[in-house]
């Protein structure tokens, strides 16, 4: 199924957008300010569907020399909501960064001029955020631990321009346009705070200490804001080589660029997450009412499987590493009138400079 990702017409447009975004970053960031870059694209068409969480694009940047304003903001976040993590005080242990993204949601029938009120509403979310990630060898439970904080600010509704973005792509690749965007969730400023803690088990090496092995990565995530308010927990099982170089895949849409690898790293992974949802603006509608909405399911399950490869690049090439993540995601029904679960593919490219 994931292989289909590289043969669909939509990918041509998506890859073009990623390339333009990458070129923009490279032009704006001088060599002295190089760091780690993430380009993420989620799309349901590669999983042979076209509905609900239908597309997500995200760019992340973790500079080697972060600006004073970014450090001040992420230090404030760490001091305010960083309890239970960020316990490693060594220099360079924390990686501040910026993120920019846009998510799109549509009903199943995008040809209807007036959307079915029983289906998920049209909605777009365009945001800019600050992130902070740290790792420790002596986490809260005595295992390797990764802590992540992200604060996103953005806009919901017509001003997010998600409808224009989607239909511009559709015109480019000669696909029929979605007709119901005039009925999307109304304009509203958005704020979303995300906190994730991961711990990594010791590697189990049934084939020998220097051979590929297995590990487990339990995680817990909390989100707070008018965009989403939820709590989740899950676990990922990995098989691969040099697993101690990272902490596996991200559940949800808030991935960050990973640091350069010390050596060639690869893994096959599969995992599951259980999520309790108290609010989701893309289902519940605008905070103060008046827009389209559906009855949200408070309990959602998500499974994720895929492959990751992170390759260090020899000196002299101007780049330290390249990482590719491919995932296939299954998500249970998120609202009461949804007839079946959703699925989508996720592609992430990290470049280390």
Protein backbone atom coordinates (compact mmCIF):
# COMPACT_ATOMS: atom_id res chain seq x y z
CA UNK A 1 0.00 0.00 0.00
CA UNK A 2 2.78 2.43 0.91
CA UNK A 3 4.46 1.76 -2.41
CA UNK A 4 1.40 3.29 -4.07
CA UNK A 5 2.44 6.53 -2.41
CA UNK A 6 5.13 6.99 -5.03
CA UNK A 7 2.92 6.42 -8.08
CA UNK A 8 -0.19 8.56 -7.54
CA UNK A 9 -0.66 11.82 -9.45
CA UNK A 10 -1.25 13.67 -6.20
CA UNK A 11 2.24 12.86 -5.03
CA UNK A 12 3.69 14.85 -7.93
CA UNK A 13 2.08 18.00 -6.57
CA UNK A 14 2.97 17.13 -3.01
CA UNK A 15 6.60 16.50 -3.88
CA UNK A 16 6.70 19.80 -5.74
CA UNK A 17 5.37 21.61 -2.68
CA UNK A 18 7.92 19.90 -0.46
CA UNK A 19 10.73 20.85 -2.83
CA UNK A 20 9.62 24.49 -2.91
CA UNK A 21 9.40 24.52 0.89
CA UNK A 22 12.86 23.00 1.19
CA UNK A 23 14.31 25.54 -1.25
CA UNK A 24 12.74 28.35 0.73
CA UNK A 25 14.30 27.14 3.97
CA UNK A 26 17.71 26.68 2.40
CA UNK A 27 17.60 30.20 0.95
CA UNK A 28 16.49 31.79 4.22
CA UNK A 29 18.88 29.99 6.57
CA UNK A 30 22.59 30.87 6.32
CA UNK A 31 25.15 28.07 6.78
CA UNK A 32 26.08 29.33 10.26
CA UNK A 33 22.45 28.77 11.29
CA UNK A 34 22.10 25.30 9.76
CA UNK A 35 20.40 22.58 11.74
CA UNK A 36 17.85 19.82 11.24
CA UNK A 37 14.91 20.12 8.83
CA UNK A 38 11.72 18.05 8.68
CA UNK A 39 9.31 17.81 5.74
CA UNK A 40 6.14 15.85 6.51
CA UNK A 41 3.28 14.93 4.21
CA UNK A 42 0.21 12.97 5.31
CA UNK A 43 -2.42 11.99 2.76
CA UNK A 44 -5.30 9.52 2.68
CA UNK A 45 -5.30 8.99 -1.09
CA UNK A 46 -2.18 6.84 -0.81
CA UNK A 47 -4.27 4.52 1.40
CA UNK A 48 -7.03 4.48 -1.26
CA UNK A 49 -9.46 6.76 0.57
CA UNK A 50 -10.35 10.45 0.25
CA UNK A 51 -12.14 11.70 3.34
CA UNK A 52 -11.89 13.09 6.89
CA UNK A 53 -8.21 13.80 7.75
CA UNK A 54 -7.39 14.06 4.08
CA UNK A 55 -4.10 15.98 3.96
CA UNK A 56 -1.46 17.42 6.27
CA UNK A 57 1.73 19.29 5.42
CA UNK A 58 4.33 20.27 8.02
CA UNK A 59 7.80 21.80 8.09
CA UNK A 60 10.03 21.72 11.17
CA UNK A 61 13.38 23.37 11.81
CA UNK A 62 15.70 22.85 14.79
CA UNK A 63 18.63 25.31 14.37
CA UNK A 64 22.12 24.63 15.64
CA UNK A 65 22.22 28.18 17.02
CA UNK A 66 18.64 29.07 18.01
CA UNK A 67 17.64 32.71 18.31
CA UNK A 68 17.44 34.24 21.77
CA UNK A 69 13.66 34.70 21.44
CA UNK A 70 13.15 31.01 20.63
CA UNK A 71 15.31 29.91 23.57
CA UNK A 72 13.41 32.23 25.90
CA UNK A 73 10.04 30.87 24.77
CA UNK A 74 11.02 27.20 25.01
CA UNK A 75 12.69 27.76 28.41
CA UNK A 76 9.38 29.25 29.60
CA UNK A 77 7.48 26.22 28.30
CA UNK A 78 9.93 23.83 29.98
CA UNK A 79 9.69 25.66 33.31
CA UNK A 80 5.88 25.90 33.12
CA UNK A 81 4.74 22.49 31.83
CA UNK A 82 7.95 20.44 31.79
CA UNK A 83 7.53 18.62 35.11
CA UNK A 84 8.40 14.94 34.95
CA UNK A 85 10.95 15.34 32.19
CA UNK A 86 13.75 17.42 30.72
CA UNK A 87 15.99 16.13 33.51
CA UNK A 88 19.31 16.20 31.63
CA UNK A 89 21.09 19.51 32.38
CA UNK A 90 24.07 18.99 30.03
CA UNK A 91 24.75 21.63 27.34
CA UNK A 92 22.99 20.88 24.08
CA UNK A 93 20.58 18.43 25.74
CA UNK A 94 17.56 20.48 24.59
CA UNK A 95 16.72 21.19 20.95
CA UNK A 96 14.45 24.23 20.40
CA UNK A 97 12.79 24.58 17.02
CA UNK A 98 10.08 26.12 14.86
CA UNK A 99 7.20 24.40 13.05
CA UNK A 100 4.79 25.49 10.31
CA UNK A 101 1.88 23.39 9.10
CA UNK A 102 -1.57 23.04 7.61
CA UNK A 103 -4.15 20.27 8.14
CA UNK A 104 -7.28 19.64 6.03
CA UNK A 105 -10.49 17.79 6.90
CA UNK A 106 -13.37 16.99 4.54
CA UNK A 107 -16.52 14.84 4.52
CA UNK A 108 -16.66 11.66 2.47
CA UNK A 109 -18.78 13.19 -0.30
CA UNK A 110 -16.75 16.15 -1.57
CA UNK A 111 -18.90 16.51 -4.72
CA UNK A 112 -21.97 17.67 -2.80
CA UNK A 113 -22.42 21.45 -2.90
CA UNK A 114 -24.14 21.26 0.50
CA UNK A 115 -22.34 18.80 2.81
CA UNK A 116 -24.21 16.06 4.66
CA UNK A 117 -24.73 17.40 8.24
CA UNK A 118 -24.18 13.87 9.59
CA UNK A 119 -20.64 13.74 8.15
CA UNK A 120 -17.44 15.38 9.34
CA UNK A 121 -17.43 19.12 8.59
CA UNK A 122 -14.98 20.78 6.26
CA UNK A 123 -12.19 22.36 8.29
CA UNK A 124 -8.69 23.77 7.89
CA UNK A 125 -6.01 24.58 10.48
CA UNK A 126 -2.92 26.61 9.58
CA UNK A 127 -0.44 27.16 12.39
CA UNK A 128 3.01 28.27 13.47
CA UNK A 129 4.65 26.95 16.59
CA UNK A 130 7.68 26.59 18.84
CA UNK A 131 8.99 23.19 19.90
CA UNK A 132 11.45 21.77 22.42
CA UNK A 133 12.83 18.25 22.60
CA UNK A 134 15.28 16.70 25.05
CA UNK A 135 16.71 13.27 25.83
CA UNK A 136 18.00 11.76 29.05
CA UNK A 137 19.76 8.52 29.97
CA UNK A 138 18.21 8.62 33.44
CA UNK A 139 14.54 9.39 32.94
CA UNK A 140 11.76 9.35 35.50
CA UNK A 141 11.53 5.53 35.43
CA UNK A 142 15.26 4.86 35.07
CA UNK A 143 15.15 4.26 31.31
CA UNK A 144 16.23 6.34 28.32
CA UNK A 145 13.64 9.10 27.98
CA UNK A 146 12.64 11.64 25.34
CA UNK A 147 10.52 14.68 26.23
CA UNK A 148 8.77 16.88 23.69
CA UNK A 149 6.87 20.15 24.11
CA UNK A 150 5.16 22.15 21.36
CA UNK A 151 3.03 25.29 21.43
CA UNK A 152 1.10 26.06 18.24
CA UNK A 153 -0.81 29.23 17.39
CA UNK A 154 -2.91 29.52 14.26
CA UNK A 155 -6.25 30.01 12.60
CA UNK A 156 -9.26 27.80 11.85
CA UNK A 157 -11.77 28.47 9.12
CA UNK A 158 -11.69 30.29 5.77
CA UNK A 159 -8.65 32.36 6.79
CA UNK A 160 -6.63 29.13 7.11
CA UNK A 161 -6.89 28.87 3.29
CA UNK A 162 -7.10 25.08 3.38
CA UNK A 163 -9.87 25.00 0.78
CA UNK A 164 -7.88 27.13 -1.64
CA UNK A 165 -4.82 24.93 -1.10
CA UNK A 166 -6.69 21.69 -1.71
CA UNK A 167 -8.55 22.87 -4.79
CA UNK A 168 -5.40 24.46 -6.27
CA UNK A 169 -3.74 21.03 -6.06
CA UNK A 170 -6.83 19.41 -7.59
CA UNK A 171 -6.75 21.82 -10.53
CA UNK A 172 -3.04 21.20 -10.98
CA UNK A 173 -3.47 17.43 -11.22
CA UNK A 174 -6.84 17.58 -13.06
CA UNK A 175 -8.95 16.18 -10.22
CA UNK A 176 -12.48 17.39 -9.40
CA UNK A 177 -12.59 20.12 -6.77
CA UNK A 178 -14.21 19.80 -3.35
CA UNK A 179 -17.48 21.72 -3.51
CA UNK A 180 -18.44 22.19 0.14
CA UNK A 181 -15.70 24.47 1.50
CA UNK A 182 -18.12 27.44 1.84
CA UNK A 183 -19.74 25.42 4.67
CA UNK A 184 -16.53 24.85 6.64
CA UNK A 185 -16.08 25.53 10.35
CA UNK A 186 -16.03 29.30 10.95
CA UNK A 187 -12.95 31.43 11.52
CA UNK A 188 -11.48 31.15 15.01
CA UNK A 189 -7.99 31.71 16.45
CA UNK A 190 -6.44 28.49 17.71
CA UNK A 191 -3.98 27.44 20.38
CA UNK A 192 -2.65 23.94 21.01
CA UNK A 193 -0.13 22.79 23.63
CA UNK A 194 1.26 19.26 23.17
CA UNK A 195 3.42 17.35 25.66
CA UNK A 196 4.82 13.85 24.95
CA UNK A 197 7.00 11.57 27.06
CA UNK A 198 8.64 8.45 25.60
CA UNK A 199 10.77 5.85 27.36
CA UNK A 200 12.91 3.26 25.59
CA UNK A 201 13.47 -0.26 26.89
CA UNK A 202 16.88 -1.94 26.69
CA UNK A 203 17.41 -3.73 23.39
CA UNK A 204 16.68 -7.45 23.27
CA UNK A 205 19.20 -9.09 20.92
CA UNK A 206 18.27 -12.74 20.29
CA UNK A 207 20.77 -12.95 17.41
CA UNK A 208 23.76 -11.51 19.27
CA UNK A 209 24.77 -8.21 20.87
CA UNK A 210 26.05 -6.69 17.62
CA UNK A 211 23.07 -7.87 15.53
CA UNK A 212 19.66 -6.27 14.92
CA UNK A 213 17.30 -6.57 17.86
CA UNK A 214 14.00 -5.54 19.40
CA UNK A 215 12.91 -2.81 21.80
CA UNK A 216 9.68 -1.29 23.14
CA UNK A 217 8.83 2.40 23.41
CA UNK A 218 5.85 3.25 25.66
CA UNK A 219 4.63 6.83 25.37
CA UNK A 220 2.10 9.24 26.86
CA UNK A 221 0.77 12.41 25.21
CA UNK A 222 -1.41 15.25 26.48
CA UNK A 223 -2.92 18.04 24.40
CA UNK A 224 -4.63 21.17 25.69
CA UNK A 225 -6.30 24.00 23.79
CA UNK A 226 -9.40 25.03 21.89
CA UNK A 227 -8.10 22.98 18.93
CA UNK A 228 -7.83 19.70 20.83
CA UNK A 229 -7.92 18.56 24.44
CA UNK A 230 -6.99 14.90 24.90
CA UNK A 231 -4.84 12.35 26.71
CA UNK A 232 -3.25 9.31 25.06
CA UNK A 233 -1.00 6.40 25.84
CA UNK A 234 0.48 3.66 23.69
CA UNK A 235 3.47 1.51 22.84
CA UNK A 236 5.60 0.82 19.77
CA UNK A 237 7.59 -2.36 19.12
CA UNK A 238 10.64 -2.02 16.86
CA UNK A 239 13.05 -4.40 15.16
CA UNK A 240 16.20 -2.95 13.66
CA UNK A 241 19.80 -1.89 13.92
CA UNK A 242 21.28 0.73 16.28
CA UNK A 243 17.89 1.37 17.88
CA UNK A 244 19.45 3.53 20.61
CA UNK A 245 19.86 6.36 18.06
CA UNK A 246 16.22 7.51 18.28
CA UNK A 247 12.80 6.98 19.90
CA UNK A 248 10.65 5.69 17.06
CA UNK A 249 7.59 7.12 15.28
CA UNK A 250 5.23 9.89 16.37
CA UNK A 251 1.47 9.33 16.77
CA UNK A 252 -0.62 12.24 15.56
CA UNK A 253 0.63 15.06 13.35
CA UNK A 254 3.31 16.74 15.48
CA UNK A 255 6.59 15.19 14.32
CA UNK A 256 9.88 17.07 14.79
CA UNK A 257 13.22 16.82 12.97
CA UNK A 258 15.51 14.18 14.45
CA UNK A 259 19.16 14.84 15.33
CA UNK A 260 21.97 13.44 13.12
CA UNK A 261 22.66 9.73 13.61
CA UNK A 262 25.94 8.48 15.02
CA UNK A 263 25.76 5.51 12.68
CA UNK A 264 23.46 3.89 10.11
CA UNK A 265 20.09 3.29 11.76
CA UNK A 266 17.04 1.39 10.53
CA UNK A 267 13.89 -0.12 11.99
CA UNK A 268 10.60 -1.78 11.21
CA UNK A 269 7.93 -0.72 13.68
CA UNK A 270 4.33 -1.39 14.71
CA UNK A 271 2.39 0.18 17.51
CA UNK A 272 -0.94 1.22 18.95
CA UNK A 273 -2.31 4.22 20.84
CA UNK A 274 -5.47 4.68 22.92
CA UNK A 275 -6.79 8.24 23.13
CA UNK A 276 -9.41 9.93 25.32
CA UNK A 277 -10.73 13.06 23.61
CA UNK A 278 -12.45 15.82 25.58
CA UNK A 279 -12.52 18.32 22.69
CA UNK A 280 -11.77 18.32 18.97
CA UNK A 281 -12.72 21.50 17.15
CA UNK A 282 -12.73 19.63 13.82
CA UNK A 283 -15.65 17.54 15.15
CA UNK A 284 -17.22 19.67 17.91
CA UNK A 285 -17.26 22.81 15.80
CA UNK A 286 -16.44 26.34 16.90
CA UNK A 287 -15.82 26.97 20.59
CA UNK A 288 -18.83 29.25 20.98
CA UNK A 289 -21.12 27.30 18.64
CA UNK A 290 -22.89 28.39 15.51
CA UNK A 291 -20.99 26.27 12.98
CA UNK A 292 -21.24 22.70 11.68
CA UNK A 293 -20.45 19.83 14.05
CA UNK A 294 -20.97 16.12 14.66
CA UNK A 295 -21.15 14.02 17.83
CA UNK A 296 -17.60 13.16 18.82
CA UNK A 297 -16.58 9.71 20.05
CA UNK A 298 -14.62 10.20 23.29
CA UNK A 299 -12.42 7.11 22.81
CA UNK A 300 -10.25 6.61 19.70
CA UNK A 301 -7.70 3.93 18.82
CA UNK A 302 -4.85 4.37 16.37
CA UNK A 303 -2.37 1.85 15.00
CA UNK A 304 0.75 2.64 13.00
CA UNK A 305 3.23 0.47 11.12
CA UNK A 306 6.12 1.26 8.85
CA UNK A 307 9.82 1.56 8.22
CA UNK A 308 12.52 4.11 9.06
CA UNK A 309 16.04 4.57 7.66
CA UNK A 310 18.53 7.21 8.89
CA UNK A 311 21.79 7.40 6.95
CA UNK A 312 24.86 9.39 8.09
CA UNK A 313 26.63 11.22 5.24
CA UNK A 314 30.47 11.35 5.05
CA UNK A 315 32.26 14.67 5.60
CA UNK A 316 32.57 16.92 2.60
CA UNK A 317 29.03 16.58 1.29
CA UNK A 318 27.62 19.55 3.24
CA UNK A 319 25.04 17.38 4.97
CA UNK A 320 25.34 15.12 8.01
CA UNK A 321 22.40 12.78 7.58
CA UNK A 322 19.22 11.88 5.70
CA UNK A 323 16.26 10.16 7.31
CA UNK A 324 13.10 8.75 5.69
CA UNK A 325 10.03 7.52 7.60
CA UNK A 326 7.09 5.77 5.91
CA UNK A 327 4.00 4.86 7.93
CA UNK A 328 0.55 3.42 7.31
CA UNK A 329 -2.00 4.62 9.88
CA UNK A 330 -5.36 3.13 10.89
CA UNK A 331 -7.68 5.19 13.11
CA UNK A 332 -10.97 4.07 14.62
CA UNK A 333 -14.22 5.96 14.12
CA UNK A 334 -14.01 9.47 15.58
CA UNK A 335 -17.71 10.46 15.49
CA UNK A 336 -20.98 8.62 16.04
CA UNK A 337 -22.28 8.68 12.43
CA UNK A 338 -18.95 7.61 10.88
CA UNK A 339 -19.53 4.29 9.11
CA UNK A 340 -15.97 2.91 9.11
CA UNK A 341 -12.46 3.61 10.36
CA UNK A 342 -10.01 5.89 8.55
CA UNK A 343 -6.55 5.26 7.17
CA UNK A 344 -3.81 7.34 5.60
CA UNK A 345 -0.13 7.27 4.67
CA UNK A 346 2.58 9.42 6.21
CA UNK A 347 5.92 10.40 4.66
CA UNK A 348 8.65 12.23 6.59
CA UNK A 349 12.01 13.42 5.32
CA UNK A 350 14.63 14.76 7.74
CA UNK A 351 17.80 16.49 6.52
CA UNK A 352 20.65 17.11 9.00
CA UNK A 353 23.03 19.99 8.20
